[in-house]
C-alpha cells in the first residue's frame, strides 16, 4: 500500500502543481507573507510533523518572511473553525479553504512516508490531550491522512467528540474497502465544499 500511495501522491502532486503555484503566488502577494506555512502537529506514533499548508489566514499587518515557508510552532490549534473568521480575509483564501486547495501541499508528506492518503487528520498535542483522552495512543497508531471519515461525514460542522469517534472508527475498522470508499467519497466533498471553511 505504501508504494502505491506514494506513486499516487506523486501523480496527484504533479497534476495539482500548476494550481498550487498560481494560488501560492497570489496568496503570497495578498498576504504580504510567505505563501506556505508548516504547522506543528503530531504524526505517526506521536512523532513531530510539520504539516504543510497554503497560507489562508493572516491579520492586517504584512510581515514578509524569508523564503517560501514559515514554521508555526503553536500547539493550540483552533477549537472549532468559524465560517466568518476575520483572519481569512479574501475570497481566494476562503475558496482555497472551502475546496481543500490549501491542503494539497500535504501530498509531499505522503510521498515522504509521513502521512497516508487516508487516515485521521493530524492534530496538535493540545487537541489530543483535551479531546481524545484515553483513546489518544490508539489514534496515533495510524498514520495521519489527507482524507478520513471526519472529512466525509460533516467536517467543520462536527464537534470534537464526533471527530474523535470517527477517527477511532477509522483506526479500528481499517480495511481496503473502507480506504477505497473514503477516497471515492472525498472528491465530491472537496468539489462541493459545503462542510468546509
Protein backbone atom coordinates (compact mmCIF):
# COMPACT_ATOMS: atom_id res chain seq x y z
CA UNK A 1 0.00 0.00 0.00
CA UNK A 2 2.80 2.42 0.87
CA UNK A 3 4.45 2.19 -2.56
CA UNK A 4 1.11 2.59 -4.32
CA UNK A 5 0.21 5.54 -2.10
CA UNK A 6 3.49 7.30 -2.78
CA UNK A 7 3.16 6.75 -6.53
CA UNK A 8 -0.41 8.08 -6.47
CA UNK A 9 0.70 11.09 -4.40
CA UNK A 10 3.46 11.90 -6.94
CA UNK A 11 0.93 11.83 -9.78
CA UNK A 12 -1.60 13.93 -7.84
CA UNK A 13 1.03 16.48 -6.84
CA UNK A 14 2.25 16.84 -10.43
CA UNK A 15 -1.34 17.33 -11.62
CA UNK A 16 -2.01 19.89 -8.88
CA UNK A 17 1.28 21.75 -9.28
CA UNK A 18 0.06 24.47 -11.71
CA UNK A 19 -2.90 25.28 -9.43
CA UNK A 20 -0.67 25.23 -6.35
CA UNK A 21 1.87 27.59 -7.88
CA UNK A 22 -0.78 30.09 -9.00
CA UNK A 23 -2.55 30.04 -5.62
CA UNK A 24 0.73 30.26 -3.70
CA UNK A 25 1.89 33.28 -5.67
CA UNK A 26 -1.47 35.02 -5.34
CA UNK A 27 -1.75 34.33 -1.59
CA UNK A 28 1.82 35.48 -1.06
CA UNK A 29 1.05 38.78 -2.77
CA UNK A 30 -2.28 39.26 -0.98
CA UNK A 31 -0.93 38.43 2.48
CA UNK A 32 2.47 40.06 2.11
CA UNK A 33 3.97 36.93 3.69
CA UNK A 34 5.35 33.53 2.83
CA UNK A 35 2.74 31.58 0.82
CA UNK A 36 3.40 28.31 2.66
CA UNK A 37 3.21 27.55 6.37
CA UNK A 38 4.29 24.48 8.31
CA UNK A 39 2.23 23.94 11.45
CA UNK A 40 3.48 21.62 14.19
CA UNK A 41 1.24 18.58 14.60
CA UNK A 42 1.53 15.01 15.83
CA UNK A 43 2.41 12.38 13.27
CA UNK A 44 2.51 8.59 13.32
CA UNK A 45 3.02 7.26 16.86
CA UNK A 46 3.33 10.81 18.17
CA UNK A 47 6.37 11.85 16.13
CA UNK A 48 6.55 15.58 15.27
CA UNK A 49 5.01 16.52 11.92
CA UNK A 50 5.45 19.96 10.38
CA UNK A 51 2.28 19.91 8.30
CA UNK A 52 2.45 21.96 5.12
CA UNK A 53 -0.43 24.20 4.05
CA UNK A 54 -1.00 27.19 1.82
CA UNK A 55 -1.39 30.32 3.93
CA UNK A 56 -5.07 31.25 4.01
CA UNK A 57 -5.17 33.07 7.37
CA UNK A 58 -3.47 36.33 8.26
CA UNK A 59 -4.12 39.59 10.05
CA UNK A 60 -3.78 43.11 8.66
CA UNK A 61 -0.06 43.59 9.37
CA UNK A 62 2.03 42.45 6.41
CA UNK A 63 5.26 40.82 7.56
CA UNK A 64 7.35 39.45 4.76
CA UNK A 65 9.30 36.44 6.00
CA UNK A 66 12.33 34.86 4.43
CA UNK A 67 11.85 32.07 1.93
CA UNK A 68 8.65 30.30 0.99
CA UNK A 69 7.72 28.57 4.26
CA UNK A 70 7.03 29.91 7.75
CA UNK A 71 7.06 27.44 10.64
CA UNK A 72 4.26 27.98 13.14
CA UNK A 73 5.10 26.35 16.45
CA UNK A 74 1.66 26.87 18.00
CA UNK A 75 0.32 23.92 19.96
CA UNK A 76 -3.14 25.34 20.45
CA UNK A 77 -4.92 24.90 17.17
CA UNK A 78 -8.47 26.12 16.64
CA UNK A 79 -11.17 24.81 18.96
CA UNK A 80 -13.76 24.99 16.21
CA UNK A 81 -13.45 26.61 12.81
CA UNK A 82 -15.51 29.73 12.21
CA UNK A 83 -17.07 30.29 8.79
CA UNK A 84 -16.70 34.05 9.33
CA UNK A 85 -13.16 34.05 10.75
CA UNK A 86 -11.71 37.54 10.08
CA UNK A 87 -8.26 36.02 9.62
CA UNK A 88 -9.49 34.55 6.32
CA UNK A 89 -9.68 37.96 4.68
CA UNK A 90 -10.27 37.41 0.95
CA UNK A 91 -12.27 35.33 -1.50
CA UNK A 92 -9.27 33.40 -2.75
CA UNK A 93 -8.31 32.32 0.77
CA UNK A 94 -11.89 31.25 1.51
CA UNK A 95 -12.07 29.38 -1.81
CA UNK A 96 -8.82 27.53 -1.10
CA UNK A 97 -10.04 26.50 2.34
CA UNK A 98 -13.51 25.51 1.20
CA UNK A 99 -12.18 23.23 -1.55
CA UNK A 100 -9.11 22.00 0.39
CA UNK A 101 -6.64 23.51 -2.08
CA UNK A 102 -4.68 24.76 0.93
CA UNK A 103 -4.06 21.13 1.95
CA UNK A 104 -2.64 19.92 -1.37
CA UNK A 105 0.99 20.55 -0.25
CA UNK A 106 0.46 17.68 2.21
CA UNK A 107 0.81 15.31 -0.73
CA UNK A 108 4.52 15.81 -0.12
CA UNK A 109 4.10 14.20 3.32
CA UNK A 110 2.51 11.15 1.64
CA UNK A 111 5.44 10.93 -0.77
CA UNK A 112 7.90 11.14 2.13
CA UNK A 113 6.01 8.47 4.09
CA UNK A 114 4.97 10.76 6.97
CA UNK A 115 1.28 10.66 6.04
CA UNK A 116 -1.19 8.41 4.28
CA UNK A 117 -3.83 9.29 1.71
CA UNK A 118 -6.42 8.01 4.21
CA UNK A 119 -6.18 8.34 7.98
CA UNK A 120 -7.10 10.59 10.91
CA UNK A 121 -6.23 14.23 10.26
CA UNK A 122 -3.06 15.42 12.05
CA UNK A 123 -3.81 17.13 15.36
CA UNK A 124 -1.89 19.16 17.92
CA UNK A 125 -0.78 17.91 21.33
CA UNK A 126 -3.39 20.10 22.97
CA UNK A 127 -6.20 18.75 20.80
CA UNK A 128 -5.10 15.20 21.57
CA UNK A 129 -4.95 15.86 25.30
CA UNK A 130 -8.27 17.72 25.57
CA UNK A 131 -10.43 15.72 23.20
CA UNK A 132 -9.03 12.21 22.77
CA UNK A 133 -8.16 11.32 26.37
CA UNK A 134 -7.74 7.59 26.91
CA UNK A 135 -8.03 6.97 23.16
CA UNK A 136 -5.04 9.19 22.27
CA UNK A 137 -2.47 6.40 21.87
CA UNK A 138 -4.88 4.33 19.77
CA UNK A 139 -5.49 7.16 17.29
CA UNK A 140 -1.75 7.74 16.91
CA UNK A 141 -1.22 4.11 15.84
CA UNK A 142 -2.45 5.05 12.36
CA UNK A 143 -0.57 7.40 10.08
CA UNK A 144 -2.36 10.74 9.76
CA UNK A 145 -4.09 11.15 6.44
CA UNK A 146 -5.20 13.65 3.83
CA UNK A 147 -8.70 12.19 3.90
CA UNK A 148 -10.70 10.37 6.55
CA UNK A 149 -14.17 9.65 7.89
CA UNK A 150 -14.27 13.08 9.54
CA UNK A 151 -13.93 14.91 6.20
CA UNK A 152 -16.72 12.97 4.51
CA UNK A 153 -19.11 12.98 7.49
CA UNK A 154 -19.59 16.69 8.11
CA UNK A 155 -16.08 18.07 8.67
CA UNK A 156 -16.22 21.60 10.09
CA UNK A 157 -19.84 21.14 11.20
CA UNK A 158 -18.88 18.34 13.60
CA UNK A 159 -17.90 18.63 17.26
CA UNK A 160 -14.59 17.33 18.58
CA UNK A 161 -16.44 14.44 20.24
CA UNK A 162 -17.84 13.40 16.86
CA UNK A 163 -14.45 13.81 15.22
CA UNK A 164 -12.82 11.62 17.88
CA UNK A 165 -15.47 8.93 17.41
CA UNK A 166 -14.93 8.90 13.64
CA UNK A 167 -11.13 8.81 13.99
CA UNK A 168 -11.40 5.83 16.33
CA UNK A 169 -13.80 4.09 13.96
CA UNK A 170 -11.36 4.61 11.10
CA UNK A 171 -8.42 3.24 13.10
CA UNK A 172 -10.36 0.23 14.41
CA UNK A 173 -12.04 -0.70 11.13
CA UNK A 174 -9.13 -0.12 8.75
CA UNK A 175 -9.58 -2.15 5.59
CA UNK A 176 -9.06 -1.84 1.85
CA UNK A 177 -12.82 -1.44 1.16
CA UNK A 178 -13.12 1.35 3.75
CA UNK A 179 -9.95 3.00 2.42
CA UNK A 180 -11.31 2.99 -1.15
CA UNK A 181 -14.76 4.16 -0.05
CA UNK A 182 -13.27 7.16 1.75
CA UNK A 183 -11.15 8.10 -1.28
CA UNK A 184 -14.17 7.83 -3.59
CA UNK A 185 -16.35 10.00 -1.34
CA UNK A 186 -13.62 12.59 -0.74
CA UNK A 187 -13.56 14.04 -4.26
CA UNK A 188 -17.27 15.07 -4.32
CA UNK A 189 -16.86 16.58 -0.84
CA UNK A 190 -13.84 18.60 -1.97
CA UNK A 191 -15.53 19.80 -5.15
CA UNK A 192 -18.73 20.80 -3.35
CA UNK A 193 -17.03 22.20 -0.25
CA UNK A 194 -20.27 22.55 1.71
CA UNK A 195 -18.90 21.44 5.08
CA UNK A 196 -15.53 23.19 4.95
CA UNK A 197 -14.44 26.69 5.94
